[in-house]
Amino acid sequence: MADHIPPDTNRGQEKKRGGTSGKVADFRYKRPSRSKGRKAPQLEIAARPNGAAPRPNSRPASHPRARRQAYAALDLGTNNCRLLIARPSGENFTVIDAFSRVVRLGEGLAASGRLSDEAMERTLAALHVCAEKLRRRHVHLARSVATEACRRASNGAEFIERVQRETGIVLDIISAQEEARLAVLGCHVLLEDGAGPAVIFDIGGGSTELVLVEPSGAVPRILDWMSVPWGVVSLTDTVTGSDDSEEERLDRYKRMRKTVLGSFAPFAERIREFAKGPDPIRLLGTSGTVTTLASLHLELPQYDRQAVDGLIVDSSDMREISVKLSHMSGPERRQLPCIGDDRANLVVAGCAILESILDIWPSQTLGVADRGIREGILRSLMAADADGDRSRAALQRMREQDV
């Protein structure tokens, strides 16, 4: 069924690129289009079968069954557990199964330095669902990663071992640099057309990654990057305050902005010269914060990935929505479509981070991506596996010629 979904070239009324069908387990991602004669991208990462079913005998990439093999990417963040399972589809891939659950793994981490028992139990329940999907889909190759919460927690490594014992999933605690690279690889195709450097950012639950990239072939070249330990969960837990009055809410928001701006200062200084170039500045954000604000901008009654992924909006509109949310009380935010209970207490921290990014890189527009680390992992796995198949096929031909 999914193989017949049209490529994601739909365009809405807003200025956008890369629209998709928006259906879980039924949408297609595209790689950037390439002019004739340009070589396919050579991705850096080696595929590792973390959490995957045993790998069957390798087949040449041209083998008809090779195109049907399933690959999986699991991203365990500070707030969410997300899984994508996909099959290659030409130069693209088609998602055949997906899972996402708010697990709040990093809840209380800022104060205790540890993952709480309740948070680990919630996360394990989600990972058991993921493990069952990996088995049911006969996944050929997978990579499972954990990010800031497990990097920071004193019992992070212990939790990773428990996950492997109880679910069979081998989680790799990746560095902030690897997290940033995978996010870029997963969403850079949605960068607004233009020359010169751009900033891709990922506002997570426990950290935010900022990456300065320069278009360079099929995959942009990373010029500079920074990761700060402020995501929607860690900033909410650290910068506390009362929600009782508008004055108290605005005071807390101001302190959040000050905290984040201070952390971003070194990056802002390093990229200052790039902002003085002749080409328009471009920004692309991948996170629940930017997709939520984009949904509010479009006045969607419920979240619609097709409408949001690839959208390009005026930065001033995103600022205006951020300011409005910072004035609202928690109950008022819960009543807004696309926010609800899960995001009502966290979205304000995301707004503070987003406004701080717009302060240091004042782009007129902002690109919105509902894709990131998982898509980067899938592209890496598929590219590395295809390279391996080609190498094995070439070696077999050499052996046959020697006989």
Protein backbone atom coordinates (compact mmCIF):
# COMPACT_ATOMS: atom_id res chain seq x y z
CA MET A 1 0.00 0.00 0.00
CA ALA A 2 2.64 2.52 1.05
CA ASP A 3 4.65 1.91 -2.13
CA HIS A 4 1.94 3.66 -4.14
CA ILE A 5 1.91 6.89 -2.15
CA PRO A 6 2.97 9.76 -4.43
CA PRO A 7 6.31 11.49 -3.81
CA ASP A 8 6.29 14.34 -1.33
CA THR A 9 6.13 17.23 -3.77
CA ASN A 10 2.75 18.63 -2.71
CA ARG A 11 2.59 22.31 -1.93
CA GLY A 12 0.03 24.07 0.21
CA GLN A 13 -1.07 27.66 0.15
CA GLU A 14 1.82 28.65 2.42
CA LYS A 15 5.31 28.71 0.94
CA LYS A 16 6.62 25.21 1.56
CA ARG A 17 8.76 22.36 0.29
CA GLY A 18 8.51 18.64 0.72
CA GLY A 19 4.87 18.15 1.69
CA THR A 20 3.99 14.56 2.62
CA SER A 21 0.91 12.46 3.04
CA GLY A 22 1.02 12.87 6.80
CA LYS A 23 -0.17 9.34 7.58
CA VAL A 24 1.72 7.22 10.08
CA ALA A 25 3.24 4.18 8.36
CA ASP A 26 2.04 5.50 5.01
CA PHE A 27 4.23 8.33 3.80
CA ARG A 28 7.29 8.73 1.64
CA TYR A 29 10.42 10.73 2.32
CA LYS A 30 12.49 12.08 -0.56
CA ARG A 31 16.17 12.69 -0.87
CA PRO A 32 17.22 15.99 -2.46
CA SER A 33 16.82 15.99 -6.22
CA ARG A 34 20.08 15.82 -8.09
CA SER A 35 21.04 17.04 -11.54
CA LYS A 36 22.20 14.45 -14.06
CA GLY A 37 25.74 13.27 -13.63
CA ARG A 38 26.08 14.15 -9.95
CA LYS A 39 27.24 11.31 -7.74
CA ALA A 40 25.01 9.90 -5.03
CA PRO A 41 25.87 11.08 -1.51
CA GLN A 42 28.45 9.05 0.40
CA LEU A 43 27.30 9.05 3.99
CA GLU A 44 29.85 8.80 6.76
CA ILE A 45 28.29 6.52 9.34
CA ALA A 46 28.74 2.75 9.34
CA ALA A 47 25.56 0.79 9.89
CA ARG A 48 25.32 -1.19 13.10
CA PRO A 49 22.56 -3.73 13.78
CA ASN A 50 21.51 -2.35 17.17
CA GLY A 51 18.20 -3.80 18.25
CA ALA A 52 17.68 -5.47 14.89
CA ALA A 53 16.61 -8.97 14.03
CA PRO A 54 19.49 -11.21 12.88
CA ARG A 55 20.70 -10.11 9.46
CA PRO A 56 19.85 -12.48 6.61
CA ASN A 57 22.33 -13.42 3.90
CA SER A 58 23.31 -10.30 1.98
CA ARG A 59 22.00 -9.83 -1.54
CA PRO A 60 23.08 -7.40 -4.26
CA ALA A 61 21.19 -4.11 -4.13
CA SER A 62 19.68 -4.96 -7.51
CA HIS A 63 18.11 -8.15 -6.15
CA PRO A 64 14.28 -7.75 -6.14
CA ARG A 65 13.97 -8.91 -2.53
CA ALA A 66 16.68 -6.50 -1.34
CA ARG A 67 14.38 -3.58 -2.01
CA ARG A 68 11.79 -5.09 0.33
CA GLN A 69 14.06 -5.26 3.39
CA ALA A 70 12.99 -3.23 6.39
CA TYR A 71 15.25 -0.84 8.30
CA ALA A 72 14.52 0.77 11.66
CA ALA A 73 15.59 3.84 13.60
CA LEU A 74 14.79 4.34 17.28
CA ASP A 75 15.40 7.66 19.03
CA LEU A 76 15.06 7.72 22.82
CA GLY A 77 15.09 11.33 23.90
CA THR A 78 14.54 13.16 27.16
CA ASN A 79 10.81 13.50 26.55
CA ASN A 80 9.85 11.11 23.75
CA CYS A 81 10.49 7.61 22.47
CA ARG A 82 10.16 7.43 18.69
CA LEU A 83 10.54 4.60 16.19
CA LEU A 84 10.43 4.50 12.39
CA ILE A 85 10.54 1.35 10.27
CA ALA A 86 10.97 1.85 6.53
CA ARG A 87 11.85 0.19 3.24
CA PRO A 88 13.97 1.71 0.48
CA SER A 89 11.94 3.11 -2.39
CA GLY A 90 14.21 4.13 -5.22
CA GLU A 91 16.34 6.98 -3.91
CA ASN A 92 13.81 7.57 -1.13
CA PHE A 93 12.26 5.41 1.56
CA THR A 94 8.71 4.57 2.54
CA VAL A 95 7.72 4.24 6.19
CA ILE A 96 5.84 1.01 6.90
CA ASP A 97 5.46 1.37 10.68
CA ALA A 98 5.97 4.06 13.29
CA PHE A 99 5.60 4.64 17.00
CA SER A 100 5.85 7.70 19.24
CA ARG A 101 5.12 8.08 22.93
CA VAL A 102 5.81 10.79 25.50
CA VAL A 103 7.81 8.97 28.20
CA ARG A 104 9.32 11.94 30.11
CA LEU A 105 12.54 9.98 30.74
CA GLY A 106 14.30 13.13 31.93
CA GLU A 107 11.63 14.13 34.44
CA GLY A 108 13.35 15.28 37.64
CA LEU A 109 16.82 14.73 36.18
CA ALA A 110 17.88 18.36 36.59
CA ALA A 111 17.36 18.17 40.36
CA SER A 112 18.51 14.62 41.13
CA GLY A 113 21.05 13.85 38.43
CA ARG A 114 19.40 10.44 38.02
CA LEU A 115 16.67 8.80 35.97
CA SER A 116 13.74 8.17 38.29
CA ASP A 117 12.18 4.73 38.74
CA GLU A 118 8.85 6.01 37.40
CA ALA A 119 10.47 7.51 34.30
CA MET A 120 12.40 4.30 33.57
CA GLU A 121 9.26 2.18 33.90
CA ARG A 122 7.34 4.44 31.50
CA THR A 123 10.20 4.25 29.03
CA LEU A 124 10.60 0.50 29.28
CA ALA A 125 6.89 0.06 28.55
CA ALA A 126 7.34 2.08 25.34
CA LEU A 127 10.49 0.18 24.38
CA HIS A 128 8.68 -3.14 24.76
CA VAL A 129 6.22 -1.90 22.13
CA CYS A 130 9.14 -0.94 19.89
CA ALA A 131 10.79 -4.35 20.35
CA GLU A 132 7.60 -6.10 19.31
CA LYS A 133 7.34 -3.94 16.19
CA LEU A 134 10.96 -4.72 15.28
CA ARG A 135 10.25 -8.44 15.55
CA ARG A 136 6.93 -8.32 13.75
CA ARG A 137 8.36 -6.33 10.82
CA HIS A 138 11.40 -8.66 10.49
CA VAL A 139 13.75 -5.70 10.53
CA HIS A 140 16.89 -6.30 8.49
CA LEU A 141 19.03 -3.62 10.12
CA ALA A 142 18.39 -1.10 12.89
CA ARG A 143 20.11 1.52 14.98
CA SER A 144 18.78 2.61 18.36
CA VAL A 145 20.14 5.75 20.02
CA ALA A 146 19.70 7.54 23.34
CA THR A 147 20.48 11.21 23.79
CA GLU A 148 20.77 13.88 26.50
CA ALA A 149 18.90 12.24 29.39
CA CYS A 150 21.05 9.12 29.27
CA ARG A 151 24.19 11.19 28.64
CA ARG A 152 23.63 13.24 31.79
CA ALA A 153 22.13 10.72 34.21
CA SER A 154 24.48 9.03 36.65
CA ASN A 155 22.50 5.82 36.15
CA GLY A 156 22.17 6.23 32.37
CA ALA A 157 24.54 3.38 31.49
CA GLU A 158 22.82 1.13 34.03
CA PHE A 159 19.47 1.87 32.42
CA ILE A 160 20.85 1.06 28.96
CA GLU A 161 21.96 -2.36 30.23
CA ARG A 162 18.51 -2.98 31.71
CA VAL A 163 16.85 -2.08 28.42
CA GLN A 164 18.99 -4.66 26.61
CA ARG A 165 18.22 -7.36 29.18
CA GLU A 166 14.47 -6.79 29.18
CA THR A 167 13.75 -5.83 25.56
CA GLY A 168 16.73 -6.97 23.51
CA ILE A 169 17.21 -3.43 22.16
CA VAL A 170 20.82 -2.22 22.24
CA LEU A 171 20.77 1.53 22.79
CA ASP A 172 23.79 3.57 21.79
CA ILE A 173 24.27 6.72 23.89
CA ILE A 174 25.41 9.08 21.15
CA SER A 175 27.38 12.29 21.60
CA ALA A 176 25.84 15.71 21.11
CA GLN A 177 27.91 16.06 17.95
CA GLU A 178 26.52 12.84 16.50
CA GLU A 179 23.02 13.93 17.48
CA ALA A 180 23.48 17.17 15.58
CA ARG A 181 24.90 15.39 12.52
CA LEU A 182 22.02 12.93 12.34
CA ALA A 183 19.46 15.72 12.68
CA VAL A 184 21.06 17.57 9.76
CA LEU A 185 21.18 14.43 7.66
CA GLY A 186 17.52 13.76 8.36
CA CYS A 187 16.01 17.15 7.53
CA HIS A 188 18.40 19.25 5.42
CA VAL A 189 16.36 18.57 2.26
CA LEU A 190 13.78 21.01 3.63
CA LEU A 191 16.17 23.97 3.72
CA GLU A 192 14.75 26.94 1.86
CA ASP A 193 16.35 27.43 -1.56
CA GLY A 194 19.29 29.81 -1.53
CA ALA A 195 23.03 30.19 -1.38
CA GLY A 196 25.31 30.75 1.56
CA PRO A 197 25.31 29.18 5.02
CA ALA A 198 22.22 28.29 7.02
CA VAL A 199 21.44 27.20 10.58
CA ILE A 200 19.62 23.96 11.35
CA PHE A 201 18.51 23.57 14.97
CA ASP A 202 16.91 20.84 17.03
CA ILE A 203 15.12 21.81 20.27
CA GLY A 204 14.95 18.57 22.21
CA GLY A 205 13.81 17.62 25.66
CA GLY A 206 17.18 17.82 27.37
CA SER A 207 19.36 19.79 24.95
CA THR A 208 19.33 22.01 21.89
CA GLU A 209 21.69 21.56 18.96
CA LEU A 210 22.62 24.42 16.62
CA VAL A 211 24.42 23.55 13.39
CA LEU A 212 25.85 25.99 10.85
CA VAL A 213 25.87 24.31 7.44
CA GLU A 214 26.94 25.23 3.95
CA PRO A 215 25.27 23.62 0.93
CA SER A 216 27.82 21.23 -0.54
CA GLY A 217 26.51 18.61 -2.94
CA ALA A 218 23.74 16.31 -1.79
CA VAL A 219 24.61 16.62 1.91
CA PRO A 220 25.54 20.03 3.41
CA ARG A 221 28.93 20.54 4.98
CA ILE A 222 28.92 21.30 8.72
CA LEU A 223 30.89 24.50 9.36
CA ASP A 224 30.26 24.83 13.10
CA TRP A 225 27.93 23.45 15.73
CA MET A 226 26.99 23.80 19.38
CA SER A 227 24.94 21.84 21.89
CA VAL A 228 23.62 23.37 25.10
CA PRO A 229 21.94 21.42 27.94
CA TRP A 230 18.68 23.32 27.57
CA GLY A 231 15.69 21.56 26.09
CA VAL A 232 12.02 21.91 26.90
CA VAL A 233 12.24 19.53 29.87
CA SER A 234 15.58 20.61 31.36
CA LEU A 235 14.80 24.33 31.03
CA THR A 236 11.32 23.89 32.53
CA ASP A 237 12.73 21.93 35.48
CA THR A 238 15.64 24.33 36.09
CA VAL A 239 14.02 27.76 35.70
CA THR A 240 11.07 27.41 38.04
CA GLY A 241 8.34 29.89 38.88
CA SER A 242 4.68 30.38 39.65
CA ASP A 243 1.93 30.17 37.05
CA ASP A 244 -0.56 32.06 39.23
CA SER A 245 -0.31 35.51 37.65
CA GLU A 246 0.68 36.94 34.29
CA GLU A 247 3.44 38.96 35.94
CA GLU A 248 4.99 35.82 37.44
CA ARG A 249 4.70 33.93 34.17
CA LEU A 250 6.45 36.71 32.25
CA ASP A 251 9.19 36.94 34.87
CA ARG A 252 9.88 33.23 34.48
CA TYR A 253 9.87 33.51 30.70
CA LYS A 254 12.36 36.38 30.89
CA ARG A 255 14.66 34.29 33.08
CA MET A 256 14.40 31.37 30.65
CA ARG A 257 15.39 33.64 27.76
CA LYS A 258 18.34 35.03 29.72
CA THR A 259 19.55 31.53 30.62
CA VAL A 260 19.43 30.28 27.05
CA LEU A 261 20.94 33.40 25.50
CA GLY A 262 23.89 33.13 27.85
CA SER A 263 24.54 29.56 26.72
CA PHE A 264 24.20 30.46 23.04
CA ALA A 265 26.58 33.45 23.30
CA PRO A 266 29.78 31.62 22.21
CA PHE A 267 28.05 30.21 19.13
CA ALA A 268 26.54 33.60 18.31
CA GLU A 269 30.01 35.16 18.42
CA ARG A 270 31.56 32.47 16.22
CA ILE A 271 28.97 32.76 13.46
CA ARG A 272 28.69 36.55 13.53
CA GLU A 273 30.75 37.00 10.36
CA PHE A 274 28.61 34.54 8.40
CA ALA A 275 25.53 36.67 9.05
CA LYS A 276 27.16 39.60 7.25
CA GLY A 277 27.26 37.83 3.88
CA PRO A 278 25.27 38.95 0.82
CA ASP A 279 22.89 35.98 0.81
CA PRO A 280 19.67 35.87 2.83
CA ILE A 281 19.92 34.01 6.12
CA ARG A 282 18.04 30.72 6.28
CA LEU A 283 16.82 28.85 9.36
CA LEU A 284 15.39 25.34 9.63
CA GLY A 285 14.02 23.96 12.88
CA THR A 286 13.26 20.34 13.69
CA SER A 287 11.46 19.78 16.97
CA GLY A 288 8.10 19.51 18.65
CA THR A 289 8.33 23.20 19.48
CA VAL A 290 8.50 24.47 15.90
CA THR A 291 5.93 21.98 14.60
CA THR A 292 3.53 22.91 17.42
CA LEU A 293 3.91 26.64 16.78
CA ALA A 294 3.49 26.06 13.05
CA SER A 295 0.24 24.23 13.77
CA LEU A 296 -1.00 27.20 15.81
CA HIS A 297 0.08 29.54 13.01
CA LEU A 298 -2.02 27.54 10.54
CA GLU A 299 -4.90 27.35 13.06
CA LEU A 300 -5.13 23.59 12.61
CA PRO A 301 -7.87 21.86 14.64
CA GLN A 302 -5.47 18.92 15.13
CA TYR A 303 -1.90 18.15 14.18
CA ASP A 304 -1.41 17.45 10.47
CA ARG A 305 2.06 16.44 9.39
CA GLN A 306 1.26 17.03 5.72
CA ALA A 307 0.50 20.68 6.42
CA VAL A 308 3.46 21.31 8.73
CA ASP A 309 6.48 19.38 7.42
CA GLY A 310 8.33 21.62 4.96
CA LEU A 311 6.36 24.75 5.83
CA ILE A 312 8.20 28.08 5.65
CA VAL A 313 6.74 30.84 7.83
CA ASP A 314 7.67 34.39 8.76
CA SER A 315 9.86 34.44 11.86
CA SER A 316 7.84 37.37 13.17
CA ASP A 317 4.73 35.17 13.23
CA MET A 318 6.54 32.54 15.28
CA ARG A 319 7.73 35.23 17.69
CA GLU A 320 4.21 36.57 18.07
CA ILE A 321 2.85 33.12 18.91
CA SER A 322 5.70 32.56 21.39
CA VAL A 323 4.92 35.80 23.20
CA LYS A 324 1.20 34.99 23.38
CA LEU A 325 1.92 31.56 24.88
CA SER A 326 4.25 33.06 27.46
CA HIS A 327 1.37 35.25 28.71
CA MET A 328 -1.09 32.35 29.00
CA SER A 329 -1.68 30.18 32.05
CA GLY A 330 -1.28 26.41 31.91
CA PRO A 331 -5.02 25.74 31.71
CA GLU A 332 -5.35 28.26 28.87
CA ARG A 333 -2.55 26.59 26.91
CA ARG A 334 -4.13 23.17 27.40
CA GLN A 335 -7.24 24.36 25.59
CA LEU A 336 -5.31 25.18 22.42
CA PRO A 337 -5.41 22.66 19.57
CA CYS A 338 -2.17 20.73 19.01
CA ILE A 339 -0.87 21.45 22.54
CA GLY A 340 -3.03 19.62 25.06
CA ASP A 341 -1.80 18.19 28.36
CA ASP A 342 1.49 16.75 27.07
CA ARG A 343 2.94 20.04 25.84
CA ALA A 344 1.15 22.66 27.95
CA ASN A 345 3.88 22.85 30.59
CA LEU A 346 6.81 22.46 28.19
CA VAL A 347 5.93 24.63 25.20
CA VAL A 348 6.84 27.88 26.97
CA ALA A 349 10.42 26.71 27.45
CA GLY A 350 10.50 25.80 23.77
CA CYS A 351 9.30 29.30 22.89
CA ALA A 352 12.08 30.83 25.01
CA ILE A 353 14.68 28.73 23.19
CA LEU A 354 13.23 29.54 19.77
CA GLU A 355 13.14 33.28 20.43
CA SER A 356 16.75 33.14 21.59
CA ILE A 357 17.74 31.42 18.34
CA LEU A 358 15.94 34.10 16.35
CA ASP A 359 17.84 36.72 18.35
CA ILE A 360 21.26 35.40 17.35
CA TRP A 361 20.34 34.49 13.76
CA PRO A 362 17.60 36.96 12.74
CA SER A 363 16.25 35.28 9.64
CA GLN A 364 13.11 36.72 8.07
CA THR A 365 11.71 33.23 7.57
CA LEU A 366 11.83 29.91 9.39
CA GLY A 367 11.61 26.45 7.86
CA VAL A 368 9.74 23.75 9.79
CA ALA A 369 10.69 20.06 9.71
CA ASP A 370 8.79 17.13 11.17
CA ARG A 371 11.79 14.87 10.66
CA GLY A 372 15.27 14.61 12.10
CA ILE A 373 17.39 12.03 13.92
CA ARG A 374 15.38 8.96 12.96
CA GLU A 375 15.36 9.91 9.29
CA GLY A 376 19.10 10.60 9.46
CA ILE A 377 19.68 7.15 10.93
CA LEU A 378 17.57 5.48 8.23
CA ARG A 379 19.44 7.23 5.44
CA SER A 380 22.76 6.23 7.00
CA LEU A 381 21.74 2.60 7.41
CA MET A 382 20.40 2.27 3.89
CA ALA A 383 23.37 4.01 2.28
CA ALA A 384 25.94 2.01 4.25
CA ASP A 385 24.13 -1.26 3.56
CA ALA A 386 23.87 -0.51 -0.15
CA ASP A 387 27.60 0.32 -0.26
CA GLY A 388 28.33 -2.97 1.47
CA ASP A 389 26.21 -4.92 -1.00
CA ARG A 390 27.98 -3.26 -3.93
CA SER A 391 31.38 -4.05 -2.44
CA ARG A 392 30.45 -7.68 -1.85
CA ALA A 393 29.07 -8.00 -5.37
CA ALA A 394 32.27 -6.51 -6.83
CA LEU A 395 34.39 -8.91 -4.76
CA GLN A 396 32.32 -11.86 -5.94
CA ARG A 397 32.79 -10.81 -9.58
CA MET A 398 36.55 -10.60 -9.04
CA ARG A 399 36.58 -14.10 -7.55
CA GLU A 400 34.58 -15.49 -10.45
CA GLN A 401 37.01 -13.93 -12.94
CA ASP A 402 39.97 -15.52 -11.15
CA VAL A 403 38.46 -19.00 -11.38
